[in-house]
Amino acid sequence: MKKWALIVFVVAVVNFVAFLIGAAKLGGDAVNGKMQDGRYYVADHGKLTEVSHAAFTYSRIHCYTLFVTHPLALVFGFLFYRQTRQREASRVS
């Protein structure tokens, strides 16, 4: 369990850092942006930046991956914590 928890945690952190770098380079993210009149905009704190369709699609997909990796990291972290507590409790008994 420890190995899987560490792998999932590292993947989640790397994914988040990659998202931050991508959003900084693009000027925001597509989930907060919009499509209007055939144009694509990413947003950062209300500031819109026009991007290509490909960049918009990348940003939207990458943002949605955070909705998967972060909860997975929390679940595996909780399972690892619970397993560690159970081992400690069995050693004391």
PDB file of N, CA and C in Angstrom:
ATOM      1  N   MET A   1       0.832  -1.203   0.000  1.00  0.00           N
ATOM      2  CA  MET A   1       0.000   0.000   0.000  1.00  0.00           C
ATOM      3  C   MET A   1       0.870   1.258   0.000  1.00  0.00           C
ATOM      4  N   LYS A   2       1.964   1.219   0.757  1.00  0.00           N
ATOM      5  CA  LYS A   2       2.825   2.394   0.846  1.00  0.00           C
ATOM      6  C   LYS A   2       3.355   2.778  -0.533  1.00  0.00           C
ATOM      7  N   LYS A   3       3.759   1.787  -1.314  1.00  0.00           N
ATOM      8  CA  LYS A   3       4.296   2.045  -2.654  1.00  0.00           C
ATOM      9  C   LYS A   3       3.244   2.708  -3.535  1.00  0.00           C
ATOM     10  N   TRP A   4       2.011   2.179  -3.532  1.00  0.00           N
ATOM     11  CA  TRP A   4       0.951   2.739  -4.363  1.00  0.00           C
ATOM     12  C   TRP A   4       0.558   4.140  -3.894  1.00  0.00           C
ATOM     13  N   ALA A   5       0.504   4.334  -2.598  1.00  0.00           N
ATOM     14  CA  ALA A   5       0.169   5.655  -2.071  1.00  0.00           C
ATOM     15  C   ALA A   5       1.209   6.679  -2.503  1.00  0.00           C
ATOM     16  N   LEU A   6       2.467   6.316  -2.450  1.00  0.00           N
ATOM     17  CA  LEU A   6       3.534   7.217  -2.860  1.00  0.00           C
ATOM     18  C   LEU A   6       3.462   7.511  -4.359  1.00  0.00           C
ATOM     19  N   ILE A   7       3.223   6.484  -5.162  1.00  0.00           N
ATOM     20  CA  ILE A   7       3.122   6.675  -6.619  1.00  0.00           C
ATOM     21  C   ILE A   7       1.968   7.620  -6.957  1.00  0.00           C
ATOM     22  N   VAL A   8       0.803   7.369  -6.378  1.00  0.00           N
ATOM     23  CA  VAL A   8      -0.370   8.209  -6.660  1.00  0.00           C
ATOM     24  C   VAL A   8      -0.122   9.640  -6.194  1.00  0.00           C
ATOM     25  N   PHE A   9       0.496   9.796  -5.033  1.00  0.00           N
ATOM     26  CA  PHE A   9       0.797  11.130  -4.519  1.00  0.00           C
ATOM     27  C   PHE A   9       1.745  11.877  -5.449  1.00  0.00           C
ATOM     28  N   VAL A  10       2.812  11.221  -5.887  1.00  0.00           N
ATOM     29  CA  VAL A  10       3.786  11.858  -6.777  1.00  0.00           C
ATOM     30  C   VAL A  10       3.131  12.231  -8.108  1.00  0.00           C
ATOM     31  N   VAL A  11       2.331  11.335  -8.656  1.00  0.00           N
ATOM     32  CA  VAL A  11       1.634  11.629  -9.913  1.00  0.00           C
ATOM     33  C   VAL A  11       0.723  12.844  -9.740  1.00  0.00           C
ATOM     34  N   ALA A  12       0.009  12.911  -8.636  1.00  0.00           N
ATOM     35  CA  ALA A  12      -0.891  14.044  -8.382  1.00  0.00           C
ATOM     36  C   ALA A  12      -0.114  15.354  -8.269  1.00  0.00           C
ATOM     37  N   VAL A  13       1.004  15.330  -7.583  1.00  0.00           N
ATOM     38  CA  VAL A  13       1.812  16.545  -7.426  1.00  0.00           C
ATOM     39  C   VAL A  13       2.399  16.975  -8.765  1.00  0.00           C
ATOM     40  N   VAL A  14       2.959  16.032  -9.509  1.00  0.00           N
ATOM     41  CA  VAL A  14       3.541  16.357 -10.816  1.00  0.00           C
ATOM     42  C   VAL A  14       2.457  16.883 -11.753  1.00  0.00           C
ATOM     43  N   ASN A  15       1.293  16.255 -11.739  1.00  0.00           N
ATOM     44  CA  ASN A  15       0.186  16.706 -12.582  1.00  0.00           C
ATOM     45  C   ASN A  15      -0.234  18.129 -12.216  1.00  0.00           C
ATOM     46  N   PHE A  16      -0.296  18.422 -10.936  1.00  0.00           N
ATOM     47  CA  PHE A  16      -0.689  19.761 -10.494  1.00  0.00           C
ATOM     48  C   PHE A  16       0.347  20.803 -10.901  1.00  0.00           C
ATOM     49  N   VAL A  17       1.622  20.493 -10.716  1.00  0.00           N
ATOM     50  CA  VAL A  17       2.681  21.428 -11.102  1.00  0.00           C
ATOM     51  C   VAL A  17       2.658  21.652 -12.619  1.00  0.00           C
ATOM     52  N   ALA A  18       2.474  20.582 -13.386  1.00  0.00           N
ATOM     53  CA  ALA A  18       2.383  20.715 -14.846  1.00  0.00           C
ATOM     54  C   ALA A  18       1.182  21.580 -15.230  1.00  0.00           C
ATOM     55  N   PHE A  19       0.071  21.410 -14.524  1.00  0.00           N
ATOM     56  CA  PHE A  19      -1.104  22.239 -14.789  1.00  0.00           C
ATOM     57  C   PHE A  19      -0.797  23.713 -14.512  1.00  0.00           C
ATOM     58  N   LEU A  20      -0.148  23.992 -13.381  1.00  0.00           N
ATOM     59  CA  LEU A  20       0.192  25.378 -13.043  1.00  0.00           C
ATOM     60  C   LEU A  20       1.107  26.007 -14.091  1.00  0.00           C
ATOM     61  N   ILE A  21       2.087  25.248 -14.554  1.00  0.00           N
ATOM     62  CA  ILE A  21       3.000  25.758 -15.572  1.00  0.00           C
ATOM     63  C   ILE A  21       2.242  26.020 -16.876  1.00  0.00           C
ATOM     64  N   GLY A  22       1.409  25.055 -17.277  1.00  0.00           N
ATOM     65  CA  GLY A  22       0.626  25.225 -18.500  1.00  0.00           C
ATOM     66  C   GLY A  22      -0.311  26.417 -18.412  1.00  0.00           C
ATOM     67  N   ALA A  23      -0.982  26.569 -17.279  1.00  0.00           N
ATOM     68  CA  ALA A  23      -1.903  27.694 -17.103  1.00  0.00           C
ATOM     69  C   ALA A  23      -1.153  29.025 -17.115  1.00  0.00           C
ATOM     70  N   ALA A  24       0.028  29.042 -16.533  1.00  0.00           N
ATOM     71  CA  ALA A  24       0.828  30.268 -16.530  1.00  0.00           C
ATOM     72  C   ALA A  24       1.265  30.638 -17.948  1.00  0.00           C
ATOM     73  N   LYS A  25       1.667  29.634 -18.717  1.00  0.00           N
ATOM     74  CA  LYS A  25       2.102  29.892 -20.093  1.00  0.00           C
ATOM     75  C   LYS A  25       0.942  30.335 -20.985  1.00  0.00           C
ATOM     76  N   LEU A  26      -0.232  29.722 -20.777  1.00  0.00           N
ATOM     77  CA  LEU A  26      -1.392  30.064 -21.607  1.00  0.00           C
ATOM     78  C   LEU A  26      -2.076  31.355 -21.160  1.00  0.00           C
ATOM     79  N   GLY A  27      -1.918  31.719 -19.920  1.00  0.00           N
ATOM     80  CA  GLY A  27      -2.594  32.892 -19.399  1.00  0.00           C
ATOM     81  C   GLY A  27      -3.860  32.560 -18.639  1.00  0.00           C
ATOM     82  N   GLY A  28      -4.034  31.291 -18.286  1.00  0.00           N
ATOM     83  CA  GLY A  28      -5.209  30.865 -17.539  1.00  0.00           C
ATOM     84  C   GLY A  28      -5.569  29.441 -17.898  1.00  0.00           C
ATOM     85  N   ASP A  29      -6.790  29.049 -17.544  1.00  0.00           N
ATOM     86  CA  ASP A  29      -7.238  27.692 -17.872  1.00  0.00           C
ATOM     87  C   ASP A  29      -8.592  27.746 -18.563  1.00  0.00           C
ATOM     88  N   ALA A  30      -8.882  26.692 -19.315  1.00  0.00           N
ATOM     89  CA  ALA A  30     -10.095  26.648 -20.129  1.00  0.00           C
ATOM     90  C   ALA A  30     -11.353  26.439 -19.304  1.00  0.00           C
ATOM     91  N   VAL A  31     -11.245  25.783 -18.162  1.00  0.00           N
ATOM     92  CA  VAL A  31     -12.438  25.536 -17.353  1.00  0.00           C
ATOM     93  C   VAL A  31     -13.027  26.859 -16.869  1.00  0.00           C
ATOM     94  N   ASN A  32     -12.185  27.808 -16.586  1.00  0.00           N
ATOM     95  CA  ASN A  32     -12.648  29.138 -16.196  1.00  0.00           C
ATOM     96  C   ASN A  32     -12.810  30.062 -17.400  1.00  0.00           C
ATOM     97  N   GLY A  33     -12.361  29.619 -18.554  1.00  0.00           N
ATOM     98  CA  GLY A  33     -12.470  30.411 -19.771  1.00  0.00           C
ATOM     99  C   GLY A  33     -13.798  30.200 -20.466  1.00  0.00           C
ATOM    100  N   LYS A  34     -13.798  30.485 -21.762  1.00  0.00           N
ATOM    101  CA  LYS A  34     -15.046  30.337 -22.511  1.00  0.00           C
ATOM    102  C   LYS A  34     -14.772  30.211 -23.998  1.00  0.00           C
ATOM    103  N   MET A  35     -15.795  29.715 -24.711  1.00  0.00           N
ATOM    104  CA  MET A  35     -15.815  29.684 -26.169  1.00  0.00           C
ATOM    105  C   MET A  35     -16.879  30.684 -26.596  1.00  0.00           C
ATOM    106  N   GLN A  36     -16.514  31.557 -27.525  1.00  0.00           N
ATOM    107  CA  GLN A  36     -17.478  32.561 -27.963  1.00  0.00           C
ATOM    108  C   GLN A  36     -17.197  32.937 -29.410  1.00  0.00           C
ATOM    109  N   ASP A  37     -18.217  32.811 -30.254  1.00  0.00           N
ATOM    110  CA  ASP A  37     -18.112  33.179 -31.668  1.00  0.00           C
ATOM    111  C   ASP A  37     -16.939  32.504 -32.370  1.00  0.00           C
ATOM    112  N   GLY A  38     -16.718  31.229 -32.084  1.00  0.00           N
ATOM    113  CA  GLY A  38     -15.639  30.492 -32.723  1.00  0.00           C
ATOM    114  C   GLY A  38     -14.257  30.815 -32.201  1.00  0.00           C
ATOM    115  N   ARG A  39     -14.194  31.563 -31.132  1.00  0.00           N
ATOM    116  CA  ARG A  39     -12.906  31.907 -30.513  1.00  0.00           C
ATOM    117  C   ARG A  39     -12.844  31.230 -29.150  1.00  0.00           C
ATOM    118  N   TYR A  40     -11.626  30.978 -28.698  1.00  0.00           N
ATOM    119  CA  TYR A  40     -11.397  30.238 -27.457  1.00  0.00           C
ATOM    120  C   TYR A  40     -10.571  31.092 -26.513  1.00  0.00           C
ATOM    121  N   TYR A  41     -11.022  31.157 -25.287  1.00  0.00           N
ATOM    122  CA  TYR A  41     -10.371  31.988 -24.286  1.00  0.00           C
ATOM    123  C   TYR A  41     -10.112  31.178 -23.012  1.00  0.00           C
ATOM    124  N   VAL A  42      -8.924  31.331 -22.468  1.00  0.00           N
ATOM    125  CA  VAL A  42      -8.636  30.818 -21.130  1.00  0.00           C
ATOM    126  C   VAL A  42      -8.740  32.009 -20.186  1.00  0.00           C
ATOM    127  N   ALA A  43      -8.973  31.725 -18.916  1.00  0.00           N
ATOM    128  CA  ALA A  43      -9.155  32.817 -17.959  1.00  0.00           C
ATOM    129  C   ALA A  43      -8.284  32.603 -16.728  1.00  0.00           C
ATOM    130  N   ASP A  44      -7.837  33.723 -16.190  1.00  0.00           N
ATOM    131  CA  ASP A  44      -7.095  33.729 -14.932  1.00  0.00           C
ATOM    132  C   ASP A  44      -7.570  34.929 -14.133  1.00  0.00           C
ATOM    133  N   HIS A  45      -8.306  34.663 -13.072  1.00  0.00           N
ATOM    134  CA  HIS A  45      -8.855  35.722 -12.213  1.00  0.00           C
ATOM    135  C   HIS A  45      -9.623  36.761 -13.029  1.00  0.00           C
ATOM    136  N   GLY A  46     -10.428  36.290 -13.969  1.00  0.00           N
ATOM    137  CA  GLY A  46     -11.279  37.173 -14.755  1.00  0.00           C
ATOM    138  C   GLY A  46     -10.642  37.747 -16.003  1.00  0.00           C
ATOM    139  N   LYS A  47      -9.343  37.591 -16.151  1.00  0.00           N
ATOM    140  CA  LYS A  47      -8.655  38.109 -17.335  1.00  0.00           C
ATOM    141  C   LYS A  47      -8.671  37.024 -18.418  1.00  0.00           C
ATOM    142  N   LEU A  48      -9.251  37.345 -19.567  1.00  0.00           N
ATOM    143  CA  LEU A  48      -9.347  36.379 -20.663  1.00  0.00           C
ATOM    144  C   LEU A  48      -8.171  36.531 -21.614  1.00  0.00           C
ATOM    145  N   THR A  49      -7.679  35.390 -22.095  1.00  0.00           N
ATOM    146  CA  THR A  49      -6.611  35.360 -23.089  1.00  0.00           C
ATOM    147  C   THR A  49      -7.048  34.435 -24.212  1.00  0.00           C
ATOM    148  N   GLU A  50      -7.010  34.932 -25.436  1.00  0.00           N
ATOM    149  CA  GLU A  50      -7.418  34.107 -26.575  1.00  0.00           C
ATOM    150  C   GLU A  50      -6.326  33.087 -26.883  1.00  0.00           C
ATOM    151  N   VAL A  51      -6.757  31.837 -27.122  1.00  0.00           N
ATOM    152  CA  VAL A  51      -5.832  30.753 -27.458  1.00  0.00           C
ATOM    153  C   VAL A  51      -6.421  29.960 -28.622  1.00  0.00           C
ATOM    154  N   SER A  52      -5.612  29.057 -29.147  1.00  0.00           N
ATOM    155  CA  SER A  52      -6.083  28.186 -30.225  1.00  0.00           C
ATOM    156  C   SER A  52      -7.049  27.138 -29.680  1.00  0.00           C
ATOM    157  N   HIS A  53      -7.771  26.507 -30.595  1.00  0.00           N
ATOM    158  CA  HIS A  53      -8.679  25.428 -30.200  1.00  0.00           C
ATOM    159  C   HIS A  53      -7.903  24.302 -29.521  1.00  0.00           C
ATOM    160  N   ALA A  54      -6.733  23.966 -30.072  1.00  0.00           N
ATOM    161  CA  ALA A  54      -5.913  22.892 -29.495  1.00  0.00           C
ATOM    162  C   ALA A  54      -5.467  23.239 -28.079  1.00  0.00           C
ATOM    163  N   ALA A  55      -5.022  24.474 -27.851  1.00  0.00           N
ATOM    164  CA  ALA A  55      -4.577  24.885 -26.515  1.00  0.00           C
ATOM    165  C   ALA A  55      -5.751  24.870 -25.535  1.00  0.00           C
ATOM    166  N   PHE A  56      -6.909  25.315 -25.999  1.00  0.00           N
ATOM    167  CA  PHE A  56      -8.103  25.322 -25.163  1.00  0.00           C
ATOM    168  C   PHE A  56      -8.484  23.900 -24.762  1.00  0.00           C
ATOM    169  N   THR A  57      -8.469  22.987 -25.742  1.00  0.00           N
ATOM    170  CA  THR A  57      -8.810  21.589 -25.474  1.00  0.00           C
ATOM    171  C   THR A  57      -7.816  20.960 -24.509  1.00  0.00           C
ATOM    172  N   TYR A  58      -6.514  21.195 -24.750  1.00  0.00           N
ATOM    173  CA  TYR A  58      -5.488  20.686 -23.840  1.00  0.00           C
ATOM    174  C   TYR A  58      -5.755  21.178 -22.418  1.00  0.00           C
ATOM    175  N   SER A  59      -5.982  22.479 -22.284  1.00  0.00           N
ATOM    176  CA  SER A  59      -6.164  23.066 -20.961  1.00  0.00           C
ATOM    177  C   SER A  59      -7.386  22.481 -20.263  1.00  0.00           C
ATOM    178  N   ARG A  60      -8.460  22.306 -20.995  1.00  0.00           N
ATOM    179  CA  ARG A  60      -9.682  21.770 -20.384  1.00  0.00           C
ATOM    180  C   ARG A  60      -9.468  20.336 -19.908  1.00  0.00           C
ATOM    181  N   ILE A  61      -8.854  19.508 -20.778  1.00  0.00           N
ATOM    182  CA  ILE A  61      -8.605  18.112 -20.402  1.00  0.00           C
ATOM    183  C   ILE A  61      -7.651  18.033 -19.217  1.00  0.00           C
ATOM    184  N   HIS A  62      -6.588  18.838 -19.257  1.00  0.00           N
ATOM    185  CA  HIS A  62      -5.616  18.795 -18.161  1.00  0.00           C
ATOM    186  C   HIS A  62      -6.265  19.227 -16.847  1.00  0.00           C
ATOM    187  N   CYS A  63      -7.106  20.234 -16.893  1.00  0.00           N
ATOM    188  CA  CYS A  63      -7.787  20.670 -15.675  1.00  0.00           C
ATOM    189  C   CYS A  63      -8.673  19.556 -15.122  1.00  0.00           C
ATOM    190  N   TYR A  64      -9.376  18.856 -16.004  1.00  0.00           N
ATOM    191  CA  TYR A  64     -10.244  17.771 -15.545  1.00  0.00           C
ATOM    192  C   TYR A  64      -9.452  16.608 -14.952  1.00  0.00           C
ATOM    193  N   THR A  65      -8.203  16.419 -15.394  1.00  0.00           N
ATOM    194  CA  THR A  65      -7.405  15.344 -14.800  1.00  0.00           C
ATOM    195  C   THR A  65      -7.124  15.616 -13.324  1.00  0.00           C
ATOM    196  N   LEU A  66      -7.114  16.887 -12.949  1.00  0.00           N
ATOM    197  CA  LEU A  66      -6.914  17.222 -11.533  1.00  0.00           C
ATOM    198  C   LEU A  66      -8.075  16.722 -10.687  1.00  0.00           C
ATOM    199  N   PHE A  67      -9.271  16.680 -11.297  1.00  0.00           N
ATOM    200  CA  PHE A  67     -10.449  16.188 -10.577  1.00  0.00           C
ATOM    201  C   PHE A  67     -10.368  14.684 -10.326  1.00  0.00           C
ATOM    202  N   VAL A  68      -9.419  14.029 -10.980  1.00  0.00           N
ATOM    203  CA  VAL A  68      -9.202  12.595 -10.782  1.00  0.00           C
ATOM    204  C   VAL A  68      -8.003  12.373  -9.854  1.00  0.00           C
ATOM    205  N   THR A  69      -6.880  13.016 -10.174  1.00  0.00           N
ATOM    206  CA  THR A  69      -5.650  12.735  -9.424  1.00  0.00           C
ATOM    207  C   THR A  69      -5.699  13.231  -7.982  1.00  0.00           C
ATOM    208  N   HIS A  70      -6.311  14.368  -7.726  1.00  0.00           N
ATOM    209  CA  HIS A  70      -6.358  14.866  -6.347  1.00  0.00           C
ATOM    210  C   HIS A  70      -7.200  13.977  -5.431  1.00  0.00           C
ATOM    211  N   PRO A  71      -8.421  13.619  -5.824  1.00  0.00           N
ATOM    212  CA  PRO A  71      -9.173  12.696  -4.959  1.00  0.00           C
ATOM    213  C   PRO A  71      -8.481  11.345  -4.783  1.00  0.00           C
ATOM    214  N   LEU A  72      -7.854  10.840  -5.848  1.00  0.00           N
ATOM    215  CA  LEU A  72      -7.129   9.568  -5.714  1.00  0.00           C
ATOM    216  C   LEU A  72      -6.009   9.691  -4.688  1.00  0.00           C
ATOM    217  N   ALA A  73      -5.283  10.793  -4.732  1.00  0.00           N
ATOM    218  CA  ALA A  73      -4.200  11.002  -3.766  1.00  0.00           C
ATOM    219  C   ALA A  73      -4.760  11.049  -2.345  1.00  0.00           C
ATOM    220  N   LEU A  74      -5.902  11.692  -2.162  1.00  0.00           N
ATOM    221  CA  LEU A  74      -6.509  11.743  -0.833  1.00  0.00           C
ATOM    222  C   LEU A  74      -6.946  10.361  -0.366  1.00  0.00           C
ATOM    223  N   VAL A  75      -7.558   9.596  -1.258  1.00  0.00           N
ATOM    224  CA  VAL A  75      -8.025   8.250  -0.893  1.00  0.00           C
ATOM    225  C   VAL A  75      -6.845   7.356  -0.537  1.00  0.00           C
ATOM    226  N   PHE A  76      -5.820   7.335  -1.384  1.00  0.00           N
ATOM    227  CA  PHE A  76      -4.656   6.487  -1.094  1.00  0.00           C
ATOM    228  C   PHE A  76      -3.922   6.960   0.149  1.00  0.00           C
ATOM    229  N   GLY A  77      -3.863   8.268   0.365  1.00  0.00           N
ATOM    230  CA  GLY A  77      -3.256   8.787   1.591  1.00  0.00           C
ATOM    231  C   GLY A  77      -4.010   8.335   2.825  1.00  0.00           C
ATOM    232  N   PHE A  78      -5.342   8.386   2.758  1.00  0.00           N
ATOM    233  CA  PHE A  78      -6.157   7.928   3.875  1.00  0.00           C
ATOM    234  C   PHE A  78      -5.967   6.436   4.120  1.00  0.00           C
ATOM    235  N   LEU A  79      -5.969   5.631   3.046  1.00  0.00           N
ATOM    236  CA  LEU A  79      -5.786   4.185   3.197  1.00  0.00           C
ATOM    237  C   LEU A  79      -4.421   3.855   3.790  1.00  0.00           C
ATOM    238  N   PHE A  80      -3.396   4.573   3.353  1.00  0.00           N
ATOM    239  CA  PHE A  80      -2.056   4.362   3.899  1.00  0.00           C
ATOM    240  C   PHE A  80      -2.024   4.746   5.380  1.00  0.00           C
ATOM    241  N   TYR A  81      -2.636   5.864   5.710  1.00  0.00           N
ATOM    242  CA  TYR A  81      -2.691   6.303   7.106  1.00  0.00           C
ATOM    243  C   TYR A  81      -3.407   5.266   7.971  1.00  0.00           C
ATOM    244  N   ARG A  82      -4.556   4.784   7.493  1.00  0.00           N
ATOM    245  CA  ARG A  82      -5.328   3.794   8.251  1.00  0.00           C
ATOM    246  C   ARG A  82      -4.540   2.503   8.433  1.00  0.00           C
ATOM    247  N   GLN A  83      -3.870   2.059   7.379  1.00  0.00           N
ATOM    248  CA  GLN A  83      -3.073   0.830   7.464  1.00  0.00           C
ATOM    249  C   GLN A  83      -1.925   1.003   8.458  1.00  0.00           C
ATOM    250  N   THR A  84      -1.296   2.156   8.440  1.00  0.00           N
ATOM    251  CA  THR A  84      -0.192   2.428   9.367  1.00  0.00           C
ATOM    252  C   THR A  84      -0.689   2.439  10.808  1.00  0.00           C
ATOM    253  N   ARG A  85      -1.845   3.051  11.046  1.00  0.00           N
ATOM    254  CA  ARG A  85      -2.422   3.085  12.397  1.00  0.00           C
ATOM    255  C   ARG A  85      -2.780   1.677  12.878  1.00  0.00           C
ATOM    256  N   GLN A  86      -3.301   0.842  11.986  1.00  0.00           N
ATOM    257  CA  GLN A  86      -3.653  -0.522  12.362  1.00  0.00           C
ATOM    258  C   GLN A  86      -2.412  -1.331  12.723  1.00  0.00           C
ATOM    259  N   ARG A  87      -1.342  -1.150  11.967  1.00  0.00           N
ATOM    260  CA  ARG A  87      -0.087  -1.853  12.291  1.00  0.00           C
ATOM    261  C   ARG A  87       0.441  -1.417  13.646  1.00  0.00           C
ATOM    262  N   GLU A  88       0.415  -0.118  13.905  1.00  0.00           N
ATOM    263  CA  GLU A  88       0.892   0.385  15.198  1.00  0.00           C
ATOM    264  C   GLU A  88       0.033  -0.151  16.338  1.00  0.00           C
ATOM    265  N   ALA A  89      -1.266  -0.225  16.137  1.00  0.00           N
ATOM    266  CA  ALA A  89      -2.183  -0.725  17.170  1.00  0.00           C
ATOM    267  C   ALA A  89      -1.934  -2.198  17.436  1.00  0.00           C
ATOM    268  N   SER A  90      -1.629  -2.967  16.402  1.00  0.00           N
ATOM    269  CA  SER A  90      -1.384  -4.392  16.590  1.00  0.00           C
ATOM    270  C   SER A  90      -0.041  -4.633  17.281  1.00  0.00           C
ATOM    271  N   ARG A  91       0.907  -3.745  17.115  1.00  0.00           N
ATOM    272  CA  ARG A  91       2.203  -3.881  17.793  1.00  0.00           C
ATOM    273  C   ARG A  91       2.058  -3.595  19.290  1.00  0.00           C
ATOM    274  N   VAL A  92       1.202  -2.650  19.633  1.00  0.00           N
ATOM    275  CA  VAL A  92       1.009  -2.278  21.025  1.00  0.00           C
ATOM    276  C   VAL A  92       0.246  -3.368  21.777  1.00  0.00           C
ATOM    277  N   SER A  93      -0.690  -4.012  21.124  1.00  0.00           N
ATOM    278  CA  SER A  93      -1.536  -5.022  21.778  1.00  0.00           C
ATOM    279  C   SER A  93      -0.777  -6.263  22.163  1.00  0.00           C
TER     280      SER A  93
END
